[in-house]
Protein backbone atom coordinates (compact mmCIF):
# COMPACT_ATOMS: atom_id res chain seq x y z
CA MET A 1 89.68 74.14 108.25
CA LYS A 2 92.78 75.79 106.84
CA TYR A 3 94.32 78.98 108.20
CA ARG A 4 96.13 81.98 106.75
CA ASN A 5 98.18 84.83 108.13
CA LEU A 6 96.24 88.03 108.72
CA GLY A 7 98.90 90.15 107.08
CA LYS A 8 101.84 90.76 109.38
CA THR A 9 99.74 90.83 112.56
CA GLY A 10 101.03 87.44 113.63
CA ILE A 11 97.45 86.16 113.82
CA GLU A 12 96.38 83.03 111.96
CA VAL A 13 92.74 83.16 110.91
CA SER A 14 90.45 80.54 109.45
CA GLU A 15 89.98 80.86 105.70
CA ILE A 16 86.24 81.00 106.32
CA GLY A 17 85.27 83.62 108.87
CA PHE A 18 81.91 84.17 110.53
CA GLY A 19 80.20 87.31 109.24
CA ALA A 20 77.95 88.40 112.10
CA TRP A 21 75.82 91.16 110.58
CA GLY A 22 72.82 88.89 110.07
CA ILE A 23 72.69 87.63 113.65
CA GLY A 24 72.32 91.21 114.89
CA GLY A 25 68.64 90.95 114.02
CA SER A 26 67.92 94.42 112.66
CA MET A 27 67.61 94.67 108.88
CA TRP A 28 67.69 90.86 108.52
CA ILE A 29 64.31 89.27 109.13
CA GLY A 30 63.71 85.68 110.11
CA GLY A 31 66.63 84.84 112.38
CA ARG A 32 66.36 83.84 116.03
CA ASP A 33 68.94 84.13 118.79
CA GLU A 34 68.76 80.41 119.52
CA GLN A 35 69.49 79.64 115.87
CA SER A 36 72.30 82.22 115.76
CA LEU A 37 74.03 80.79 118.83
CA LYS A 38 73.79 77.31 117.37
CA ALA A 39 75.39 78.57 114.16
CA LEU A 40 78.22 80.25 116.10
CA HIS A 41 78.98 77.08 118.05
CA GLN A 42 78.79 74.96 114.90
CA ALA A 43 81.26 77.27 113.16
CA MET A 44 83.74 77.03 116.03
CA ASP A 45 83.31 73.26 116.14
CA LEU A 46 84.34 73.19 112.46
CA GLY A 47 87.44 75.27 113.07
CA VAL A 48 86.28 78.83 112.45
CA ASN A 49 88.42 81.04 114.69
CA PHE A 50 87.60 84.46 113.22
CA ILE A 51 84.38 86.40 113.80
CA ASP A 52 83.63 89.79 112.27
CA THR A 53 80.92 91.92 113.85
CA ALA A 54 80.20 95.63 114.41
CA ALA A 55 78.74 97.96 117.00
CA ALA A 56 75.98 98.83 114.54
CA TYR A 57 74.79 95.26 113.99
CA GLY A 58 71.55 95.23 115.91
CA ASP A 59 72.83 98.16 118.01
CA GLY A 60 75.26 95.84 119.76
CA HIS A 61 73.08 92.72 119.77
CA SER A 62 75.44 90.82 117.47
CA GLU A 63 78.35 91.60 119.79
CA GLN A 64 76.34 90.48 122.81
CA LEU A 65 75.44 87.14 121.21
CA ILE A 66 79.08 86.55 120.35
CA GLY A 67 80.06 87.44 123.91
CA ALA A 68 77.56 84.92 125.27
CA CYS A 69 78.95 82.24 122.96
CA LEU A 70 82.58 82.98 123.86
CA LYS A 71 81.82 82.43 127.53
CA GLU A 72 81.04 78.82 126.71
CA ARG A 73 84.14 78.15 124.62
CA SER A 74 87.67 77.32 125.66
CA GLU A 75 89.48 77.80 122.34
CA ARG A 76 91.05 81.08 121.23
CA ILE A 77 88.73 82.98 118.92
CA GLN A 78 89.87 86.12 117.07
CA VAL A 79 87.17 88.80 117.22
CA ALA A 80 86.93 91.85 114.99
CA THR A 81 84.38 94.60 115.38
CA LYS A 82 83.81 98.09 113.99
CA ILE A 83 83.16 101.63 115.15
CA ALA A 84 79.97 103.02 113.64
CA PRO A 85 80.21 106.51 112.19
CA LEU A 86 78.90 109.02 114.70
CA ASN A 87 76.64 110.57 112.07
CA TYR A 88 75.41 107.07 111.09
CA GLU A 89 76.01 107.67 107.38
CA TRP A 90 77.19 104.80 105.19
CA PRO A 91 79.36 105.27 103.17
CA ALA A 92 81.33 108.31 104.29
CA ALA A 93 80.46 111.26 102.06
CA PRO A 94 83.30 112.81 100.04
CA ASP A 95 82.90 116.10 101.93
CA SER A 96 82.50 114.50 105.38
CA LYS A 97 84.62 115.79 108.23
CA LEU A 98 86.47 113.53 110.63
CA ALA A 99 85.12 115.42 113.65
CA GLU A 100 81.56 114.59 112.54
CA VAL A 101 82.23 110.92 111.89
CA PHE A 102 85.04 109.68 114.15
CA PRO A 103 85.89 112.20 116.87
CA VAL A 104 88.41 110.87 119.39
CA ARG A 105 85.89 110.49 122.19
CA HIS A 106 83.60 108.43 119.97
CA ILE A 107 86.43 106.12 118.88
CA ILE A 108 87.37 105.45 122.50
CA GLU A 109 83.83 105.09 123.87
CA SER A 110 82.66 102.83 121.04
CA THR A 111 85.64 100.54 121.58
CA GLU A 112 85.02 100.33 125.31
CA LYS A 113 81.33 99.59 124.76
CA SER A 114 82.16 96.80 122.31
CA LEU A 115 84.55 95.27 124.83
CA ARG A 116 81.75 95.19 127.40
CA HIS A 117 79.31 93.61 124.94
CA LEU A 118 81.85 90.94 123.97
CA GLY A 119 83.06 90.33 127.51
CA LEU A 120 86.66 90.87 126.43
CA ASP A 121 89.55 92.89 127.78
CA THR A 122 91.16 93.32 124.37
CA LEU A 123 89.89 93.41 120.80
CA ASP A 124 91.98 91.49 118.30
CA LEU A 125 90.87 93.89 115.56
CA GLN A 126 88.99 97.17 115.70
CA GLN A 127 87.91 98.80 112.44
CA PHE A 128 86.49 102.07 111.19
CA HIS A 129 83.15 101.14 109.65
CA VAL A 130 83.44 103.79 106.91
CA TRP A 131 86.35 105.83 105.65
CA ASN A 132 87.38 108.96 103.75
CA ASP A 133 91.05 109.18 102.81
CA LYS A 134 90.89 112.95 103.14
CA TRP A 135 91.24 112.21 106.87
CA ALA A 136 94.42 110.16 106.36
CA ASN A 137 96.89 112.71 107.74
CA GLN A 138 94.71 114.09 110.51
CA SER A 139 96.27 113.46 113.89
CA GLU A 140 93.07 112.89 115.91
CA TRP A 141 92.26 109.38 114.65
CA GLN A 142 95.93 108.44 114.70
CA GLU A 143 96.26 109.50 118.34
CA ALA A 144 93.11 107.57 119.29
CA VAL A 145 94.35 104.40 117.58
CA THR A 146 97.76 104.71 119.22
CA LYS A 147 96.20 105.27 122.64
CA LEU A 148 93.92 102.24 122.37
CA LYS A 149 96.84 100.05 121.35
CA GLN A 150 99.03 101.37 124.16
CA GLN A 151 96.25 100.75 126.70
CA GLY A 152 95.97 97.16 125.53
CA LYS A 153 92.33 97.57 124.50
CA VAL A 154 93.03 96.92 120.82
CA ARG A 155 95.74 94.75 119.28
CA HIS A 156 95.28 95.77 115.66
CA PHE A 157 93.35 98.39 113.71
CA GLY A 158 91.77 98.32 110.30
CA ILE A 159 89.38 99.98 107.89
CA SER A 160 86.18 98.53 106.48
CA MET A 161 86.37 100.23 103.11
CA ASN A 162 83.43 102.05 101.59
CA ASP A 163 81.37 99.96 99.18
CA MET A 164 83.05 99.73 95.76
CA GLU A 165 85.92 102.02 96.80
CA PRO A 166 88.86 99.60 97.19
CA GLU A 167 91.51 102.32 97.03
CA ASN A 168 89.91 104.72 99.54
CA GLY A 169 92.15 103.86 102.46
CA LEU A 170 95.58 103.51 100.91
CA ALA A 171 96.60 106.97 102.09
CA ALA A 172 95.64 106.04 105.67
CA ALA A 173 97.73 102.89 105.42
CA GLU A 174 100.81 105.02 104.79
CA SER A 175 100.54 106.07 108.46
CA GLY A 176 101.64 102.57 109.45
CA LEU A 177 98.65 102.28 111.79
CA ILE A 178 96.39 100.22 109.54
CA ASP A 179 96.95 96.48 109.83
CA VAL A 180 93.92 95.15 107.94
CA PHE A 181 91.52 96.19 105.19
CA GLN A 182 88.04 94.77 104.83
CA VAL A 183 86.76 95.10 101.27
CA ILE A 184 83.96 93.90 99.00
CA TYR A 185 85.45 91.20 96.79
CA ASN A 186 83.53 88.65 94.76
CA ILE A 187 83.11 87.30 91.23
CA PHE A 188 81.23 90.41 90.14
CA GLU A 189 83.47 92.88 92.02
CA GLN A 190 87.11 92.12 91.21
CA ALA A 191 88.45 95.69 91.34
CA PRO A 192 90.52 95.11 94.53
CA GLU A 193 92.86 92.94 92.48
CA ALA A 194 94.15 95.95 90.53
CA LYS A 195 95.82 98.11 93.20
CA LEU A 196 94.65 97.14 96.68
CA PHE A 197 95.80 93.53 96.74
CA PRO A 198 99.31 94.18 95.36
CA TYR A 199 99.72 97.06 97.81
CA CYS A 200 98.64 94.94 100.76
CA ARG A 201 100.92 92.05 99.82
CA GLN A 202 103.84 94.46 99.61
CA LYS A 203 103.03 96.12 102.95
CA GLY A 204 101.94 93.01 104.83
CA ILE A 205 98.37 94.24 105.34
CA GLY A 206 95.70 91.60 105.92
CA ILE A 207 92.62 91.37 103.70
CA ILE A 208 89.15 90.42 104.89
CA ALA A 209 86.97 89.70 101.85
CA ARG A 210 83.39 90.67 102.57
CA VAL A 211 80.16 90.19 100.57
CA PRO A 212 81.62 87.11 98.80
CA LEU A 213 78.12 86.08 97.70
CA ASP A 214 76.96 89.57 96.65
CA GLU A 215 74.38 89.58 99.47
CA GLY A 216 73.04 86.25 98.25
CA ALA A 217 72.96 86.87 94.49
CA LEU A 218 75.84 84.47 93.83
CA THR A 219 74.07 81.58 95.54
CA GLY A 220 71.85 81.30 92.48
CA ASN A 221 68.75 81.48 94.65
CA ILE A 222 67.62 84.99 93.69
CA GLY A 223 65.16 85.32 90.83
CA PRO A 224 62.09 87.29 89.69
CA GLU A 225 59.89 85.29 92.05
CA THR A 226 62.03 85.91 95.14
CA GLU A 227 60.32 87.90 97.88
CA PHE A 228 61.89 89.26 101.04
CA PRO A 229 59.80 90.08 104.12
CA LYS A 230 58.99 93.64 105.04
CA GLY A 231 61.79 95.13 107.10
CA ASP A 232 64.50 92.98 105.49
CA TRP A 233 67.03 95.30 103.85
CA ARG A 234 67.46 92.91 100.90
CA ARG A 235 63.95 93.88 99.85
CA ASN A 236 65.53 97.12 98.66
CA TYR A 237 68.90 95.70 97.54
CA PHE A 238 67.11 93.28 95.22
CA GLY A 239 64.22 95.70 94.67
CA GLY A 240 61.94 95.24 91.68
CA VAL A 241 61.34 92.35 89.32
CA GLU A 242 63.64 93.74 86.64
CA ARG A 243 66.60 93.96 89.00
CA LYS A 244 66.06 90.39 90.12
CA LYS A 245 65.81 89.27 86.49
CA GLU A 246 69.13 90.97 85.82
CA VAL A 247 70.71 89.21 88.78
CA LYS A 248 69.40 85.85 87.65
CA ALA A 249 70.70 86.35 84.12
CA HIS A 250 74.21 87.20 85.28
CA VAL A 251 74.37 84.35 87.76
CA GLU A 252 73.10 81.71 85.34
CA LYS A 253 76.12 82.39 83.13
CA LEU A 254 78.36 81.14 85.95
CA ARG A 255 77.16 77.55 85.91
CA PHE A 256 80.24 76.55 83.91
CA LEU A 257 82.03 76.61 87.29
CA LEU A 258 80.13 73.51 88.45
CA HIS A 259 82.57 70.74 87.62
CA ASP A 260 85.31 68.63 89.18
CA GLY A 261 83.64 68.48 92.57
CA VAL A 262 82.38 72.07 92.76
CA GLU A 263 78.74 71.35 93.47
CA THR A 264 77.08 74.74 94.06
CA LEU A 265 77.44 78.35 92.98
CA THR A 266 77.91 79.28 96.64
CA GLU A 267 80.92 76.99 96.78
CA ALA A 268 82.30 78.40 93.54
CA ALA A 269 81.91 81.98 94.78
CA LEU A 270 83.77 81.27 98.02
CA ARG A 271 86.51 79.34 96.22
CA PHE A 272 86.96 82.31 93.89
CA CYS A 273 87.75 84.59 96.84
CA LEU A 274 90.11 82.07 98.42
CA SER A 275 91.94 81.59 95.12
CA HIS A 276 93.71 84.94 95.57
CA ALA A 277 96.80 84.81 97.77
CA ALA A 278 96.21 88.32 99.15
CA VAL A 279 92.99 87.25 100.86
CA SER A 280 93.43 86.30 104.52
CA THR A 281 89.85 85.26 105.26
CA VAL A 282 86.43 85.33 103.63
CA ILE A 283 83.53 86.34 105.85
CA ALA A 284 80.19 84.90 104.92
CA GLY A 285 76.94 85.47 106.75
CA MET A 286 75.91 82.26 108.48
CA ARG A 287 72.62 82.38 110.35
CA SER A 288 72.01 78.64 110.39
CA ALA A 289 74.03 75.52 111.11
CA ASP A 290 73.33 74.32 107.54
CA HIS A 291 74.92 77.46 106.08
CA VAL A 292 77.90 77.00 108.40
CA ALA A 293 78.49 73.44 107.21
CA GLU A 294 78.12 74.40 103.55
CA ASN A 295 80.56 77.29 103.82
CA CYS A 296 83.18 75.67 106.02
CA LYS A 297 83.68 72.67 103.75
CA VAL A 298 85.10 75.04 101.11
CA SER A 299 88.29 75.41 103.16
CA ASP A 300 90.08 72.37 101.77
CA GLY A 301 92.91 74.00 99.84
CA ARG A 302 91.32 73.63 96.41
CA PRO A 303 91.28 76.96 94.53
CA LEU A 304 89.29 77.31 91.33
CA PRO A 305 91.18 76.08 88.26
CA GLY A 306 93.29 78.70 86.51
CA GLU A 307 91.20 78.49 83.34
CA ASP A 308 88.03 79.21 85.35
CA LEU A 309 89.63 82.19 87.08
CA LEU A 310 90.70 83.54 83.70
CA ALA A 311 87.21 83.05 82.29
CA LEU A 312 85.67 84.87 85.27
CA ARG A 313 87.41 88.11 84.28
CA SER A 314 84.72 88.55 81.64
CA HIS A 315 81.99 88.18 84.28
CA VAL A 316 82.85 91.34 86.19
CA TRP A 317 79.58 93.20 86.67
CA PRO A 318 79.89 96.77 88.01
CA HIS A 319 76.67 97.39 89.89
CA ASN A 320 76.12 99.15 93.16
CA PHE A 321 72.71 98.20 94.49
CA TYR A 322 73.50 99.79 97.86
């Protein structure tokens, strides 16, 4: 496993991070706690030292599983979590008010609850799970962040940017209180490269690349025949035969990436994300030990060839299935 700086935080994180939404249980059908714990341990055995979770993942269940796993480990693991919006609306609406989404009391109480779930005294990274840059200059969130840092409950703070809004957060970063951005970045969604990545490299802000596989589309395993069980949120994300046909058609055009040792589309998709120097870590959902092994082997220092990266610019596919 190779490691990169998480911006100017002083933290070194594994290039492949553990995305812990799926192990929360709710919205993802088919996982079991025993399997999830095995996957967590396998990831740490292979050098993963960064886990990204959230208070909303299984209403704290993901955090609790991670906490149980950490009790059994001796190595230093960097843990990031997120504060759910009080009104439970994703993404933050353009007209949303800070007092309705992240009042000070909620920021503090959510952080303290996450610490209890994880069995930690300090969070390495706490994040707002949605954002609206109209709040950027409002003192309430700034005071809450400062207080949590001063109390030693949070080392660093970040924003998990709204889906497909990679510039909604730059105004908040001007406060100097935002250390990390988490953003959707994958072969189909390359917009962060335009403004966000150059800004973050200039300011020393870390980048967590999320949804590197477009919720599974970029694995090449989604097609017209694919069925998701009732209760699994992907049933809606990939809803309808026509949408799945569209996904399949776009993904099939990427098979030119399978050469010179790149064996799967999953591998190619992860290597794409790691090919950009602004990216600190790529978080992939890993609910099984097999997925962990497949993802972790990508961290070997081999970016995609320059000609492939150039060719992928024509494969940008603006679509927001959320």
